[in-house]
């Protein structure tokens, strides 16, 4: 099993989200898990994808002794009423800077 598949399982990502890459920095003792939205269409079930927010990071549980971050560009959708909002993400609240699992540990 590839490490990207391993992290996808650990993060409970559905079929629309893929782990694109895992970047380790031994000097900074960090792991960055880059996630992308991979919808087969521009329609999410809640609306059409309008655009993507700038890349951002969420602090996650450590991978061994390394600080771990999730990085993603969150899609914004345009709903049936014409309102534009960020798509819900499975690992955190969009407005937060840490994942659900890190929050539970704190």
C-alpha atoms as a PDB file:
ATOM      1  CA  UNK A   1       0.000   0.000   0.000  1.00  0.00           C
ATOM      2  CA  UNK A   2       1.303   3.453  -0.915  1.00  0.00           C
ATOM      3  CA  UNK A   3       1.754   5.965   1.880  1.00  0.00           C
ATOM      4  CA  UNK A   4      -0.817   8.296   0.217  1.00  0.00           C
ATOM      5  CA  UNK A   5      -3.444   5.519   0.394  1.00  0.00           C
ATOM      6  CA  UNK A   6      -2.509   4.905   4.023  1.00  0.00           C
ATOM      7  CA  UNK A   7      -3.108   8.567   4.936  1.00  0.00           C
ATOM      8  CA  UNK A   8      -6.381   8.614   2.967  1.00  0.00           C
ATOM      9  CA  UNK A   9      -7.654   5.765   5.149  1.00  0.00           C
ATOM     10  CA  UNK A  10      -6.364   7.351   8.363  1.00  0.00           C
ATOM     11  CA  UNK A  11      -8.035  10.676   7.528  1.00  0.00           C
ATOM     12  CA  UNK A  12     -11.338   8.980   6.562  1.00  0.00           C
ATOM     13  CA  UNK A  13     -11.441  10.740   3.191  1.00  0.00           C
ATOM     14  CA  UNK A  14     -14.282   9.879   0.833  1.00  0.00           C
ATOM     15  CA  UNK A  15     -13.937   9.228  -2.901  1.00  0.00           C
ATOM     16  CA  UNK A  16     -13.925  12.948  -3.742  1.00  0.00           C
ATOM     17  CA  UNK A  17     -10.729  13.663  -1.798  1.00  0.00           C
ATOM     18  CA  UNK A  18      -7.268  12.334  -2.661  1.00  0.00           C
ATOM     19  CA  UNK A  19      -3.942  12.534  -0.896  1.00  0.00           C
ATOM     20  CA  UNK A  20      -1.797  14.109  -3.581  1.00  0.00           C
ATOM     21  CA  UNK A  21       1.527  14.028  -1.745  1.00  0.00           C
ATOM     22  CA  UNK A  22       3.261  13.590   1.598  1.00  0.00           C
ATOM     23  CA  UNK A  23       6.204  15.910   2.247  1.00  0.00           C
ATOM     24  CA  UNK A  24       8.618  15.183   5.091  1.00  0.00           C
ATOM     25  CA  UNK A  25      11.110  17.709   6.439  1.00  0.00           C
ATOM     26  CA  UNK A  26      13.650  16.122   8.752  1.00  0.00           C
ATOM     27  CA  UNK A  27      15.191  19.524   9.511  1.00  0.00           C
ATOM     28  CA  UNK A  28      11.873  21.105  10.566  1.00  0.00           C
ATOM     29  CA  UNK A  29      10.462  17.808  11.879  1.00  0.00           C
ATOM     30  CA  UNK A  30       7.217  18.245   9.936  1.00  0.00           C
ATOM     31  CA  UNK A  31       4.947  16.213   7.694  1.00  0.00           C
ATOM     32  CA  UNK A  32       2.643  17.991   5.229  1.00  0.00           C
ATOM     33  CA  UNK A  33      -0.206  15.918   3.783  1.00  0.00           C
ATOM     34  CA  UNK A  34      -1.431  17.640   0.620  1.00  0.00           C
ATOM     35  CA  UNK A  35      -5.061  16.834  -0.215  1.00  0.00           C
ATOM     36  CA  UNK A  36      -6.980  17.690  -3.389  1.00  0.00           C
ATOM     37  CA  UNK A  37     -10.654  17.552  -4.303  1.00  0.00           C
ATOM     38  CA  UNK A  38     -11.115  15.080  -7.173  1.00  0.00           C
ATOM     39  CA  UNK A  39     -14.756  15.239  -8.236  1.00  0.00           C
ATOM     40  CA  UNK A  40     -15.607  13.552 -11.533  1.00  0.00           C
ATOM     41  CA  UNK A  41     -17.874  16.505 -12.321  1.00  0.00           C
ATOM     42  CA  UNK A  42     -18.121  20.131 -11.246  1.00  0.00           C
ATOM     43  CA  UNK A  43     -21.278  19.286  -9.307  1.00  0.00           C
ATOM     44  CA  UNK A  44     -20.933  18.331  -5.642  1.00  0.00           C
ATOM     45  CA  UNK A  45     -24.543  17.498  -4.738  1.00  0.00           C
ATOM     46  CA  UNK A  46     -24.813  20.835  -2.925  1.00  0.00           C
ATOM     47  CA  UNK A  47     -23.995  22.992  -5.926  1.00  0.00           C
ATOM     48  CA  UNK A  48     -21.513  23.550  -8.722  1.00  0.00           C
ATOM     49  CA  UNK A  49     -17.860  24.223  -8.019  1.00  0.00           C
ATOM     50  CA  UNK A  50     -17.351  27.953  -8.437  1.00  0.00           C
ATOM     51  CA  UNK A  51     -13.621  28.166  -7.680  1.00  0.00           C
ATOM     52  CA  UNK A  52     -11.065  27.149  -5.052  1.00  0.00           C
ATOM     53  CA  UNK A  53      -9.823  29.023  -2.008  1.00  0.00           C
ATOM     54  CA  UNK A  54      -6.126  29.744  -1.559  1.00  0.00           C
ATOM     55  CA  UNK A  55      -4.134  26.810  -0.148  1.00  0.00           C
ATOM     56  CA  UNK A  56      -4.194  26.609   3.638  1.00  0.00           C
ATOM     57  CA  UNK A  57      -3.026  24.307   6.386  1.00  0.00           C
ATOM     58  CA  UNK A  58      -4.630  22.659   9.380  1.00  0.00           C
ATOM     59  CA  UNK A  59      -2.589  21.297  12.276  1.00  0.00           C
ATOM     60  CA  UNK A  60      -3.207  17.573  12.714  1.00  0.00           C
ATOM     61  CA  UNK A  61      -2.101  14.847  15.111  1.00  0.00           C
ATOM     62  CA  UNK A  62       1.637  14.201  15.111  1.00  0.00           C
ATOM     63  CA  UNK A  63       3.118  11.493  12.929  1.00  0.00           C
ATOM     64  CA  UNK A  64       5.483   9.956  15.469  1.00  0.00           C
ATOM     65  CA  UNK A  65       7.611  12.914  16.650  1.00  0.00           C
ATOM     66  CA  UNK A  66       6.869  15.063  13.564  1.00  0.00           C
ATOM     67  CA  UNK A  67       4.321  17.883  13.604  1.00  0.00           C
ATOM     68  CA  UNK A  68       1.747  17.059  10.939  1.00  0.00           C
ATOM     69  CA  UNK A  69      -0.256  19.460   8.794  1.00  0.00           C
ATOM     70  CA  UNK A  70      -3.029  18.929   6.270  1.00  0.00           C
ATOM     71  CA  UNK A  71      -2.830  21.267   3.274  1.00  0.00           C
ATOM     72  CA  UNK A  72      -5.647  21.783   0.768  1.00  0.00           C
ATOM     73  CA  UNK A  73      -7.390  24.215  -1.548  1.00  0.00           C
ATOM     74  CA  UNK A  74     -11.033  24.031  -0.477  1.00  0.00           C
ATOM     75  CA  UNK A  75     -13.578  24.241  -3.302  1.00  0.00           C
ATOM     76  CA  UNK A  76     -16.198  26.957  -3.135  1.00  0.00           C
ATOM     77  CA  UNK A  77     -19.614  26.077  -4.495  1.00  0.00           C
ATOM     78  CA  UNK A  78     -22.433  28.121  -5.969  1.00  0.00           C
ATOM     79  CA  UNK A  79     -25.721  26.746  -4.671  1.00  0.00           C
ATOM     80  CA  UNK A  80     -29.162  26.804  -6.320  1.00  0.00           C
ATOM     81  CA  UNK A  81     -29.861  30.210  -4.739  1.00  0.00           C
ATOM     82  CA  UNK A  82     -26.676  31.643  -6.275  1.00  0.00           C
ATOM     83  CA  UNK A  83     -24.840  31.912  -2.962  1.00  0.00           C
ATOM     84  CA  UNK A  84     -21.142  31.070  -2.897  1.00  0.00           C
ATOM     85  CA  UNK A  85     -19.702  29.216   0.098  1.00  0.00           C
ATOM     86  CA  UNK A  86     -16.878  26.854   0.957  1.00  0.00           C
ATOM     87  CA  UNK A  87     -17.517  23.144   0.629  1.00  0.00           C
ATOM     88  CA  UNK A  88     -17.513  21.264   3.934  1.00  0.00           C
ATOM     89  CA  UNK A  89     -14.310  19.320   4.469  1.00  0.00           C
ATOM     90  CA  UNK A  90     -14.131  15.969   6.299  1.00  0.00           C
ATOM     91  CA  UNK A  91     -11.135  16.715   8.544  1.00  0.00           C
ATOM     92  CA  UNK A  92     -12.006  20.110  10.106  1.00  0.00           C
ATOM     93  CA  UNK A  93     -14.215  23.152  10.205  1.00  0.00           C
ATOM     94  CA  UNK A  94     -13.211  25.357   7.262  1.00  0.00           C
ATOM     95  CA  UNK A  95     -12.665  28.344   9.563  1.00  0.00           C
ATOM     96  CA  UNK A  96     -10.483  26.435  12.063  1.00  0.00           C
ATOM     97  CA  UNK A  97      -6.699  26.002  11.963  1.00  0.00           C
ATOM     98  CA  UNK A  98      -6.636  22.457  13.388  1.00  0.00           C
ATOM     99  CA  UNK A  99      -8.276  19.128  12.544  1.00  0.00           C
ATOM    100  CA  UNK A 100     -11.123  17.467  14.447  1.00  0.00           C
ATOM    101  CA  UNK A 101      -8.775  14.756  15.741  1.00  0.00           C
ATOM    102  CA  UNK A 102      -6.287  17.270  17.130  1.00  0.00           C
ATOM    103  CA  UNK A 103      -9.153  19.138  18.789  1.00  0.00           C
ATOM    104  CA  UNK A 104     -10.330  15.908  20.475  1.00  0.00           C
ATOM    105  CA  UNK A 105      -6.839  15.311  21.840  1.00  0.00           C
ATOM    106  CA  UNK A 106      -6.529  18.828  23.277  1.00  0.00           C
END
